[in-house]
Every structure is written in C-alpha cells, then in structure tokens.
Amino acid sequence: MADVIEIKDEQFEQEVINSPVPVLVDFWATWCGPCRKLGPVIEEIAKDYDDKVKFVKVNVENCINIAKEYSISGLPSLLVFKQGEAVERMTGLMPKSTIISNLEKHI
C-alpha cells in the first residue's frame, strides 16, 4: 500500500470513503508550484506508513466534483479520511513533521 495512487471522481468512494484504513488525500493541480514541492514529501511519508494509511492524489482539474464536495479552495490541500469521514484538513505547503503529527492523531 506504500504507493501514492492517483484517482478520479468515480474511484473516490471505493478508494477513500470505503477504505478500511485511514486515507490521506492530496488535492493538487499541475500548475500549483507548492503542490509539486509537497508531492515528494507525501511519497516519503507513504513509505513510512506503508500498512497503516492509504495515500491518494486527486488532481482538482480532473476531479471537479470531489473538489467542490469537499470545498477545496486552496492548494495544496490534504484531507485525512477515517471511516468515510474527513477528520483533518491541512492547506498550503507545510513541513513533513506537521503532516505526520496531524496524521498520527487519526491512526
């Protein structure tokens, strides 16, 4: 499960809402510089949390419905889902330690 997978609108329910483990969703866009900087950080964290958390990327340009449903207005935005509910929201470029500490609360 260590890989960060990219999903589309139609996969969101299966991959995120119905996941048996917590999911960190990285909402991003190709034109977003901070998103490109955060991507490798998310991949590092994914390796450390291999079987505890699923990591998913959602390109807001391709998944407009999901971005609207979760009121994604700033990028990058990270949402942590647990048992189908968004339980944590982080917006903007932030240090790896901040992401880990917010993620740890939900494992």
C-alpha atoms as a PDB file:
ATOM      1  CA  MET A   1       0.000   0.000   0.000  1.00  0.00           C
ATOM      2  CA  ALA A   2       3.041   2.348   0.158  1.00  0.00           C
ATOM      3  CA  ASP A   3       2.461   3.793  -3.296  1.00  0.00           C
ATOM      4  CA  VAL A   4       0.605   7.060  -3.686  1.00  0.00           C
ATOM      5  CA  ILE A   5      -2.192   6.378  -6.157  1.00  0.00           C
ATOM      6  CA  GLU A   6      -3.931   8.940  -8.341  1.00  0.00           C
ATOM      7  CA  ILE A   7      -7.696   8.563  -8.577  1.00  0.00           C
ATOM      8  CA  LYS A   8     -10.597  10.105 -10.465  1.00  0.00           C
ATOM      9  CA  ASP A   9     -14.072  11.137  -9.242  1.00  0.00           C
ATOM     10  CA  GLU A  10     -15.590   7.718  -9.877  1.00  0.00           C
ATOM     11  CA  GLN A  11     -12.940   5.954  -7.752  1.00  0.00           C
ATOM     12  CA  PHE A  12     -13.227   8.239  -4.729  1.00  0.00           C
ATOM     13  CA  GLU A  13     -15.931   6.309  -2.896  1.00  0.00           C
ATOM     14  CA  GLN A  14     -14.193   2.949  -3.311  1.00  0.00           C
ATOM     15  CA  GLU A  15     -10.643   4.134  -2.577  1.00  0.00           C
ATOM     16  CA  VAL A  16     -11.342   6.732   0.121  1.00  0.00           C
ATOM     17  CA  ILE A  17     -14.823   6.529   1.642  1.00  0.00           C
ATOM     18  CA  ASN A  18     -14.904   2.715   1.843  1.00  0.00           C
ATOM     19  CA  SER A  19     -11.269   2.262   2.884  1.00  0.00           C
ATOM     20  CA  PRO A  20     -10.712   0.071   5.962  1.00  0.00           C
ATOM     21  CA  VAL A  21      -7.658   2.194   6.901  1.00  0.00           C
ATOM     22  CA  PRO A  22      -7.278   5.981   7.218  1.00  0.00           C
ATOM     23  CA  VAL A  23      -6.631   7.776   3.915  1.00  0.00           C
ATOM     24  CA  LEU A  24      -4.578  10.909   3.314  1.00  0.00           C
ATOM     25  CA  VAL A  25      -5.885  12.647   0.191  1.00  0.00           C
ATOM     26  CA  ASP A  26      -3.584  15.137  -1.531  1.00  0.00           C
ATOM     27  CA  PHE A  27      -5.652  17.606  -3.599  1.00  0.00           C
ATOM     28  CA  TRP A  28      -3.329  19.206  -6.145  1.00  0.00           C
ATOM     29  CA  ALA A  29      -3.029  20.735  -9.638  1.00  0.00           C
ATOM     30  CA  THR A  30      -0.294  20.681 -12.278  1.00  0.00           C
ATOM     31  CA  TRP A  31       0.041  24.489 -12.269  1.00  0.00           C
ATOM     32  CA  CYS A  32       0.491  24.643  -8.458  1.00  0.00           C
ATOM     33  CA  GLY A  33       4.175  25.106  -7.524  1.00  0.00           C
ATOM     34  CA  PRO A  34       3.710  24.288  -3.813  1.00  0.00           C
ATOM     35  CA  CYS A  35       1.838  21.111  -4.845  1.00  0.00           C
ATOM     36  CA  ARG A  36       4.858  19.948  -6.839  1.00  0.00           C
ATOM     37  CA  LYS A  37       7.107  20.583  -3.820  1.00  0.00           C
ATOM     38  CA  LEU A  38       4.763  18.696  -1.478  1.00  0.00           C
ATOM     39  CA  GLY A  39       4.428  15.622  -3.729  1.00  0.00           C
ATOM     40  CA  PRO A  40       7.821  14.067  -2.847  1.00  0.00           C
ATOM     41  CA  VAL A  41       7.175  14.732   0.861  1.00  0.00           C
ATOM     42  CA  ILE A  42       3.888  12.805   0.663  1.00  0.00           C
ATOM     43  CA  GLU A  43       5.700   9.942  -1.082  1.00  0.00           C
ATOM     44  CA  GLU A  44       8.275   9.814   1.749  1.00  0.00           C
ATOM     45  CA  ILE A  45       5.535   9.716   4.381  1.00  0.00           C
ATOM     46  CA  ALA A  46       3.713   6.997   2.422  1.00  0.00           C
ATOM     47  CA  LYS A  47       6.784   4.760   2.672  1.00  0.00           C
ATOM     48  CA  ASP A  48       6.931   5.258   6.448  1.00  0.00           C
ATOM     49  CA  TYR A  49       3.228   4.459   6.947  1.00  0.00           C
ATOM     50  CA  ASP A  50       3.061   1.574   4.491  1.00  0.00           C
ATOM     51  CA  ASP A  51       0.350  -0.605   6.040  1.00  0.00           C
ATOM     52  CA  LYS A  52      -1.287   1.947   8.365  1.00  0.00           C
ATOM     53  CA  VAL A  53      -2.528   4.583   5.912  1.00  0.00           C
ATOM     54  CA  LYS A  54      -3.553   4.750   2.251  1.00  0.00           C
ATOM     55  CA  PHE A  55      -2.234   7.726   0.243  1.00  0.00           C
ATOM     56  CA  VAL A  56      -4.249   9.132  -2.646  1.00  0.00           C
ATOM     57  CA  LYS A  57      -3.744  12.074  -5.016  1.00  0.00           C
ATOM     58  CA  VAL A  58      -6.678  13.938  -6.566  1.00  0.00           C
ATOM     59  CA  ASN A  59      -5.973  16.372  -9.414  1.00  0.00           C
ATOM     60  CA  VAL A  60      -8.621  19.067  -8.905  1.00  0.00           C
ATOM     61  CA  GLU A  61      -8.590  19.903 -12.617  1.00  0.00           C
ATOM     62  CA  ASN A  62      -9.788  16.375 -13.421  1.00  0.00           C
ATOM     63  CA  CYS A  63     -11.960  15.825 -10.340  1.00  0.00           C
ATOM     64  CA  ILE A  64     -14.034  18.978 -10.090  1.00  0.00           C
ATOM     65  CA  ASN A  65     -16.968  17.255  -8.354  1.00  0.00           C
ATOM     66  CA  ILE A  66     -14.864  15.890  -5.495  1.00  0.00           C
ATOM     67  CA  ALA A  67     -13.038  19.214  -5.091  1.00  0.00           C
ATOM     68  CA  LYS A  68     -16.398  21.020  -4.835  1.00  0.00           C
ATOM     69  CA  GLU A  69     -17.883  18.444  -2.468  1.00  0.00           C
ATOM     70  CA  TYR A  70     -15.020  18.953  -0.002  1.00  0.00           C
ATOM     71  CA  SER A  71     -14.769  22.738  -0.546  1.00  0.00           C
ATOM     72  CA  ILE A  72     -11.196  22.647  -1.814  1.00  0.00           C
ATOM     73  CA  SER A  73     -10.283  26.274  -2.423  1.00  0.00           C
ATOM     74  CA  GLY A  74      -6.567  26.444  -1.599  1.00  0.00           C
ATOM     75  CA  LEU A  75      -3.848  24.175  -2.935  1.00  0.00           C
ATOM     76  CA  PRO A  76      -2.261  22.004  -1.919  1.00  0.00           C
ATOM     77  CA  SER A  77      -4.946  20.686   0.437  1.00  0.00           C
ATOM     78  CA  LEU A  78      -4.552  17.492   2.417  1.00  0.00           C
ATOM     79  CA  LEU A  79      -7.585  15.786   3.918  1.00  0.00           C
ATOM     80  CA  VAL A  80      -7.423  12.800   6.228  1.00  0.00           C
ATOM     81  CA  PHE A  81     -10.394  10.453   5.991  1.00  0.00           C
ATOM     82  CA  LYS A  82     -11.240   7.890   8.638  1.00  0.00           C
ATOM     83  CA  GLN A  83     -14.245   5.570   8.357  1.00  0.00           C
ATOM     84  CA  GLY A  84     -15.505   7.583   5.392  1.00  0.00           C
ATOM     85  CA  GLU A  85     -15.403  10.983   7.108  1.00  0.00           C
ATOM     86  CA  ALA A  86     -12.989  13.877   6.608  1.00  0.00           C
ATOM     87  CA  VAL A  87     -11.417  14.258  10.063  1.00  0.00           C
ATOM     88  CA  GLU A  88      -8.459  16.548   9.343  1.00  0.00           C
ATOM     89  CA  ARG A  89      -7.762  19.341   6.835  1.00  0.00           C
ATOM     90  CA  MET A  90      -4.374  20.894   6.078  1.00  0.00           C
ATOM     91  CA  THR A  91      -3.941  23.607   3.465  1.00  0.00           C
ATOM     92  CA  GLY A  92      -0.762  25.005   1.962  1.00  0.00           C
ATOM     93  CA  LEU A  93       2.840  23.880   1.843  1.00  0.00           C
ATOM     94  CA  MET A  94       3.888  22.607   5.270  1.00  0.00           C
ATOM     95  CA  PRO A  95       6.759  20.685   6.834  1.00  0.00           C
ATOM     96  CA  LYS A  96       6.765  16.899   6.843  1.00  0.00           C
ATOM     97  CA  SER A  97       6.663  16.930  10.665  1.00  0.00           C
ATOM     98  CA  THR A  98       3.387  18.899  10.676  1.00  0.00           C
ATOM     99  CA  ILE A  99       1.745  16.477   8.258  1.00  0.00           C
ATOM    100  CA  ILE A 100       2.918  13.484  10.295  1.00  0.00           C
ATOM    101  CA  SER A 101       1.706  14.948  13.582  1.00  0.00           C
ATOM    102  CA  ASN A 102      -1.746  15.678  12.111  1.00  0.00           C
ATOM    103  CA  LEU A 103      -1.883  12.230  10.512  1.00  0.00           C
ATOM    104  CA  GLU A 104      -0.812  10.440  13.709  1.00  0.00           C
ATOM    105  CA  LYS A 105      -3.919  11.735  15.526  1.00  0.00           C
ATOM    106  CA  HIS A 106      -6.081   9.505  13.328  1.00  0.00           C
ATOM    107  CA  ILE A 107      -4.167   6.232  13.207  1.00  0.00           C
END
